[in-house]
Amino acid sequence: MEAELADIELRRAVLDGDAKQATNLLTKHQEAIQELNKLLTASQKEKQTMVEQVMTLQKALADADLEKQSLIRQSNKLEKDHQQLKRYLEKSEKEKQKVDAYLNRSTKDRNSTKAAIREMENENVELREQLQCAQAKLCELEKTYTQRMSQLTMQQRADSSNEVERLRQSLKQAERALEARERAHRQRVRGLEDQLALVRSQFNDDRRQRACTCADKSGICSCTRRSTGDLGIDVPERMEYRSAAVVGRIGCLSSQALEDDVQRGGVVSRYGGSTPTSDRPPIMRHYTN
């Protein structure tokens, strides 16, 4: 019985140990379950977080795809720009070469221009010297010209004064000659008027004599009478013809005498004298200094 009790005690000790061990295991298992629950909760949270991150990443991936396409377009555009820049650089290089060549030519032209400028400066110096000489000569010529012009002006003034005086004397002589000619012309007109009065007197005497002769022969004068407008007397027709002829001869004589006088250039006086005018100065009515 003691052995059984000892065995039972031993079993009970073993079972107690197993119970303790099981309790410990259960405790650990519960703790592990709690830990797993915590891990599960954390995993769920982490899963949700990961899902959100996956959605975010998908969205970011879509955005990245869009950005990739945009970058591809930009890359193509940049490639085109690169090609354009490359062509522009090539063109710029050609332009640079042209500019370099132009600069080289400009340098050569500048050097030649400088040489030409130096030559022109030397020529300008020579021209200045020649100009100074010419100016000196010009001053001398101006002085000579001024003196000469002064002499000529004085001479011209003297000549003008002499000419004016001569013209004044000529004008006075012409006026005196004109007055003498006018006086002679008036004397000639008076002489012609005296001759006309004499002819009229002779004509009246002749008319009276013929009238008396005609009355003595026939007693009746059948001659028609007409009026002479110039003399204011009635004469027979034959007598009128004779008087007209006489007056015509007198008029022709006076006109012809005046024309001859003008052609000869002289003034016919009442007594048949003439004054030649060929040696006289020209008649000037007006003269202005």
Protein backbone atom coordinates (compact mmCIF):
# COMPACT_ATOMS: atom_id res chain seq x y z
CA MET A 1 0.00 0.00 0.00
CA GLU A 2 2.79 2.32 0.70
CA ALA A 3 4.33 1.48 -2.57
CA GLU A 4 1.05 2.28 -4.31
CA LEU A 5 0.79 5.43 -2.31
CA ALA A 6 4.33 6.28 -3.22
CA ASP A 7 3.55 5.44 -6.79
CA ILE A 8 0.38 7.52 -6.60
CA GLU A 9 2.31 10.29 -5.00
CA LEU A 10 4.86 10.00 -7.72
CA ARG A 11 2.20 10.05 -10.39
CA ARG A 12 0.50 12.91 -8.64
CA ALA A 13 3.81 14.73 -8.55
CA VAL A 14 4.30 13.90 -12.20
CA LEU A 15 0.78 14.98 -13.00
CA ASP A 16 1.23 18.13 -10.98
CA GLY A 17 4.36 18.78 -12.90
CA ASP A 18 2.52 18.03 -16.12
CA ALA A 19 -0.38 20.19 -14.94
CA LYS A 20 1.96 23.02 -14.14
CA GLN A 21 3.68 22.48 -17.42
CA ALA A 22 0.33 22.40 -19.21
CA THR A 23 -0.76 25.48 -17.31
CA ASN A 24 2.43 27.18 -18.32
CA LEU A 25 1.94 25.98 -21.85
CA LEU A 26 -1.67 27.16 -21.77
CA THR A 27 -0.57 30.49 -20.42
CA LYS A 28 2.08 30.72 -23.04
CA HIS A 29 -0.44 29.56 -25.65
CA GLN A 30 -2.91 32.22 -24.54
CA GLU A 31 -0.16 34.74 -24.54
CA ALA A 32 0.83 33.50 -27.96
CA ILE A 33 -2.82 33.71 -29.06
CA GLN A 34 -3.03 37.23 -27.71
CA GLU A 35 0.21 37.99 -29.39
CA LEU A 36 -1.10 36.44 -32.59
CA ASN A 37 -4.31 38.42 -32.24
CA LYS A 38 -2.24 41.51 -31.82
CA LEU A 39 -0.15 40.44 -34.78
CA LEU A 40 -3.34 39.68 -36.72
CA THR A 41 -4.75 43.07 -35.87
CA ALA A 42 -1.47 44.66 -36.75
CA SER A 43 -1.32 42.53 -39.90
CA GLN A 44 -4.84 43.58 -40.85
CA LYS A 45 -3.92 47.18 -40.24
CA GLU A 46 -0.72 46.61 -42.13
CA LYS A 47 -2.70 44.88 -44.88
CA GLN A 48 -5.09 47.78 -45.07
CA THR A 49 -2.13 50.08 -45.08
CA MET A 50 -0.49 47.97 -47.76
CA VAL A 51 -3.73 47.95 -49.78
CA GLU A 52 -3.85 51.69 -49.50
CA GLN A 53 -0.18 51.82 -50.41
CA VAL A 54 -0.85 49.47 -53.35
CA MET A 55 -3.68 51.72 -54.51
CA THR A 56 -1.43 54.70 -54.03
CA LEU A 57 1.32 52.91 -55.88
CA GLN A 58 -1.08 51.95 -58.68
CA LYS A 59 -2.20 55.52 -58.89
CA ALA A 60 1.42 56.61 -58.77
CA LEU A 61 2.16 54.00 -61.44
CA ALA A 62 -0.61 55.41 -63.61
CA ASP A 63 0.73 58.87 -62.97
CA ALA A 64 4.19 57.53 -63.72
CA ASP A 65 2.90 56.07 -66.98
CA LEU A 66 1.35 59.41 -67.86
CA GLU A 67 4.55 61.14 -66.83
CA LYS A 68 6.49 58.56 -68.82
CA GLN A 69 4.41 59.35 -71.90
CA SER A 70 4.87 63.03 -71.21
CA LEU A 71 8.58 62.45 -70.76
CA ILE A 72 8.62 60.48 -74.01
CA ARG A 73 6.91 63.36 -75.77
CA GLN A 74 9.30 65.77 -74.11
CA SER A 75 12.17 63.52 -75.08
CA ASN A 76 10.98 63.52 -78.69
CA LYS A 77 10.56 67.25 -78.53
CA LEU A 78 13.98 67.59 -76.96
CA GLU A 79 15.36 65.38 -79.69
CA LYS A 80 13.81 67.64 -82.29
CA ASP A 81 15.14 70.66 -80.43
CA HIS A 82 18.49 68.95 -80.28
CA GLN A 83 18.40 68.42 -84.04
CA GLN A 84 17.36 72.04 -84.56
CA LEU A 85 20.08 73.21 -82.21
CA LYS A 86 22.53 71.02 -84.03
CA ARG A 87 21.50 72.54 -87.36
CA TYR A 88 21.57 76.00 -85.78
CA LEU A 89 25.04 75.30 -84.42
CA GLU A 90 26.17 74.15 -87.84
CA LYS A 91 24.67 77.28 -89.36
CA SER A 92 26.23 79.38 -86.61
CA GLU A 93 29.55 77.73 -87.31
CA LYS A 94 29.23 78.61 -90.98
CA GLU A 95 28.23 82.15 -90.05
CA LYS A 96 31.17 82.30 -87.69
CA GLN A 97 33.47 81.21 -90.48
CA LYS A 98 31.96 83.88 -92.72
CA VAL A 99 32.33 86.46 -89.94
CA ASP A 100 35.92 85.41 -89.43
CA ALA A 101 36.57 85.76 -93.15
CA TYR A 102 34.81 89.12 -93.14
CA LEU A 103 36.86 90.20 -90.13
CA ASN A 104 40.01 89.16 -91.92
CA ARG A 105 38.96 91.14 -94.98
CA SER A 106 37.95 94.05 -92.73
CA THR A 107 41.34 93.94 -91.07
CA LYS A 108 43.04 94.03 -94.45
CA ASP A 109 40.71 96.82 -95.60
CA ARG A 110 41.34 98.72 -92.38
CA ASN A 111 45.06 98.43 -92.86
CA SER A 112 44.75 99.59 -96.47
CA THR A 113 42.38 102.36 -95.32
CA LYS A 114 44.86 103.48 -92.70
CA ALA A 115 47.56 103.58 -95.35
CA ALA A 116 45.25 105.56 -97.65
CA ILE A 117 44.39 107.90 -94.77
CA ARG A 118 48.06 108.49 -94.10
CA GLU A 119 48.57 109.25 -97.79
CA MET A 120 45.56 111.57 -97.74
CA GLU A 121 46.89 113.30 -94.64
CA ASN A 122 50.19 113.87 -96.41
CA GLU A 123 48.30 115.17 -99.43
CA ASN A 124 46.20 117.37 -97.13
CA VAL A 125 49.35 118.83 -95.65
CA GLU A 126 50.61 119.60 -99.14
CA LEU A 127 47.22 121.00 -100.11
CA ARG A 128 47.16 123.18 -96.99
CA GLU A 129 50.52 124.58 -97.94
CA GLN A 130 49.31 125.18 -101.50
CA LEU A 131 46.11 126.71 -100.10
CA GLN A 132 48.07 129.07 -97.91
CA CYS A 133 50.14 130.12 -100.91
CA ALA A 134 46.97 130.54 -102.96
CA GLN A 135 45.34 132.57 -100.18
CA ALA A 136 48.37 134.83 -100.02
CA LYS A 137 48.24 135.28 -103.79
CA LEU A 138 44.48 135.84 -103.54
CA CYS A 139 44.99 138.56 -100.94
CA GLU A 140 47.49 140.25 -103.21
CA LEU A 141 45.13 139.92 -106.17
CA GLU A 142 42.25 141.29 -104.09
CA LYS A 143 44.33 144.29 -103.10
CA THR A 144 45.33 144.83 -106.73
CA TYR A 145 41.74 144.33 -107.86
CA THR A 146 40.47 146.75 -105.21
CA GLN A 147 42.97 149.38 -106.28
CA ARG A 148 42.15 148.78 -109.93
CA MET A 149 38.41 148.93 -109.26
CA SER A 150 38.86 152.14 -107.31
CA GLN A 151 40.77 153.65 -110.22
CA LEU A 152 38.20 152.38 -112.71
CA THR A 153 35.35 153.65 -110.55
CA MET A 154 36.90 157.08 -110.31
CA GLN A 155 37.58 157.07 -114.05
CA GLN A 156 34.04 155.92 -114.80
CA ARG A 157 32.63 158.60 -112.52
CA ALA A 158 34.72 161.22 -114.29
CA ASP A 159 33.68 159.85 -117.70
CA SER A 160 30.06 159.74 -116.57
CA SER A 161 30.25 163.32 -115.37
CA ASN A 162 31.80 164.39 -118.67
CA GLU A 163 29.21 162.43 -120.62
CA VAL A 164 26.38 163.91 -118.57
CA GLU A 165 27.75 167.40 -119.12
CA ARG A 166 28.14 166.71 -122.84
CA LEU A 167 24.60 165.37 -123.03
CA ARG A 168 23.30 168.40 -121.19
CA GLN A 169 25.08 170.70 -123.63
CA SER A 170 23.72 168.64 -126.53
CA LEU A 171 20.25 168.82 -125.03
CA LYS A 172 20.49 172.59 -124.72
CA GLN A 173 21.72 172.89 -128.31
CA ALA A 174 18.94 170.58 -129.51
CA GLU A 175 16.33 172.58 -127.65
CA ARG A 176 17.66 175.81 -129.13
CA ALA A 177 17.67 174.25 -132.62
CA LEU A 178 14.13 172.96 -132.10
CA GLU A 179 12.94 176.37 -131.03
CA ALA A 180 14.60 177.96 -134.10
CA ARG A 181 12.99 175.36 -136.34
CA GLU A 182 9.58 175.92 -134.81
CA ARG A 183 9.96 179.68 -135.30
CA ALA A 184 10.97 179.13 -138.95
CA HIS A 185 8.02 176.77 -139.42
CA ARG A 186 5.62 179.37 -138.04
CA GLN A 187 7.17 181.98 -140.36
CA ARG A 188 6.75 179.60 -143.31
CA VAL A 189 3.10 178.99 -142.38
CA ARG A 190 2.50 182.75 -142.22
CA GLY A 191 4.18 183.15 -145.65
CA LEU A 192 1.95 180.42 -147.12
CA GLU A 193 -1.10 182.08 -145.61
CA ASP A 194 -0.04 185.40 -147.22
CA GLN A 195 0.42 183.61 -150.57
CA LEU A 196 -3.00 182.02 -150.23
CA ALA A 197 -4.58 185.42 -149.51
CA LEU A 198 -2.82 186.84 -152.59
CA VAL A 199 -4.09 183.98 -154.75
CA ARG A 200 -7.60 184.49 -153.44
CA SER A 201 -7.37 188.20 -154.28
CA GLN A 202 -6.13 187.41 -157.79
CA PHE A 203 -8.85 184.82 -158.16
CA ASN A 204 -11.56 187.33 -157.17
CA ASP A 205 -10.15 189.94 -159.59
CA ASP A 206 -10.06 187.38 -162.40
CA ARG A 207 -13.64 186.32 -161.63
CA ARG A 208 -14.88 189.89 -161.73
CA GLN A 209 -13.06 190.57 -165.01
CA ARG A 210 -14.51 187.43 -166.64
CA ALA A 211 -17.97 188.29 -165.30
CA CYS A 212 -17.76 191.76 -166.82
CA THR A 213 -16.47 190.36 -170.13
CA CYS A 214 -19.28 187.82 -170.27
CA ALA A 215 -21.89 190.50 -169.51
CA ASP A 216 -20.56 192.79 -172.22
CA LYS A 217 -20.67 190.06 -174.92
CA SER A 218 -24.00 188.33 -174.30
CA GLY A 219 -25.77 190.40 -171.70
CA ILE A 220 -26.96 187.29 -169.96
CA CYS A 221 -24.62 184.84 -168.16
CA SER A 222 -25.91 181.29 -168.70
CA CYS A 223 -23.17 179.67 -166.60
CA THR A 224 -24.38 177.74 -163.64
CA ARG A 225 -23.11 178.87 -160.29
CA ARG A 226 -21.96 176.65 -157.57
CA SER A 227 -20.87 177.23 -154.00
CA THR A 228 -17.24 176.96 -153.06
CA GLY A 229 -17.20 175.71 -149.48
CA ASP A 230 -13.60 176.72 -148.83
CA LEU A 231 -13.83 180.37 -150.14
CA GLY A 232 -17.51 181.11 -149.49
CA ILE A 233 -18.19 182.75 -152.97
CA ASP A 234 -20.23 181.78 -156.05
CA VAL A 235 -18.28 181.34 -159.29
CA PRO A 236 -19.01 179.93 -162.71
CA GLU A 237 -18.29 176.28 -163.33
CA ARG A 238 -15.18 177.00 -165.41
CA MET A 239 -13.96 179.48 -162.84
CA GLU A 240 -14.56 176.91 -160.11
CA TYR A 241 -12.45 174.37 -161.94
CA ARG A 242 -9.69 176.92 -162.29
CA SER A 243 -9.88 177.92 -158.62
CA ALA A 244 -9.80 174.30 -157.54
CA ALA A 245 -6.74 173.70 -159.69
CA VAL A 246 -5.04 176.78 -158.25
CA VAL A 247 -5.80 175.77 -154.66
CA GLY A 248 -4.67 172.22 -155.40
CA ARG A 249 -1.40 173.51 -156.82
CA ILE A 250 -0.90 175.66 -153.74
CA GLY A 251 -1.61 172.69 -151.44
CA CYS A 252 0.70 170.42 -153.44
CA LEU A 253 3.33 173.13 -153.42
CA SER A 254 3.12 173.58 -149.65
CA SER A 255 3.11 169.79 -149.00
CA GLN A 256 6.00 169.18 -151.40
CA ALA A 257 7.94 172.07 -149.87
CA LEU A 258 7.46 170.68 -146.39
CA GLU A 259 8.53 167.17 -147.48
CA ASP A 260 11.62 168.59 -149.21
CA ASP A 261 12.40 170.54 -146.08
CA VAL A 262 12.13 167.41 -143.93
CA GLN A 263 14.27 165.34 -146.35
CA ARG A 264 16.97 168.01 -146.51
CA GLY A 265 16.91 168.20 -142.72
CA GLY A 266 16.80 171.99 -142.81
CA VAL A 267 14.38 174.72 -141.83
CA VAL A 268 13.13 176.86 -144.77
CA SER A 269 12.74 180.48 -143.81
CA ARG A 270 10.22 182.94 -145.18
CA TYR A 271 12.79 184.41 -147.57
CA GLY A 272 13.89 181.07 -149.02
CA GLY A 273 16.82 180.46 -146.67
CA SER A 274 17.49 177.06 -145.10
CA THR A 275 19.22 175.93 -141.94
CA PRO A 276 20.87 172.50 -142.28
CA THR A 277 20.43 170.13 -139.36
CA SER A 278 22.85 167.36 -140.34
CA ASP A 279 25.53 168.85 -138.08
CA ARG A 280 23.20 169.34 -135.15
CA PRO A 281 23.08 167.01 -132.16
CA PRO A 282 20.01 164.78 -131.79
CA ILE A 283 17.01 166.38 -130.14
CA MET A 284 16.30 164.96 -126.67
CA ARG A 285 13.14 165.98 -124.92
CA HIS A 286 13.86 164.12 -121.69
CA TYR A 287 17.10 163.08 -120.05
CA THR A 288 17.62 161.36 -116.74
CA ASN A 289 20.91 161.25 -114.94
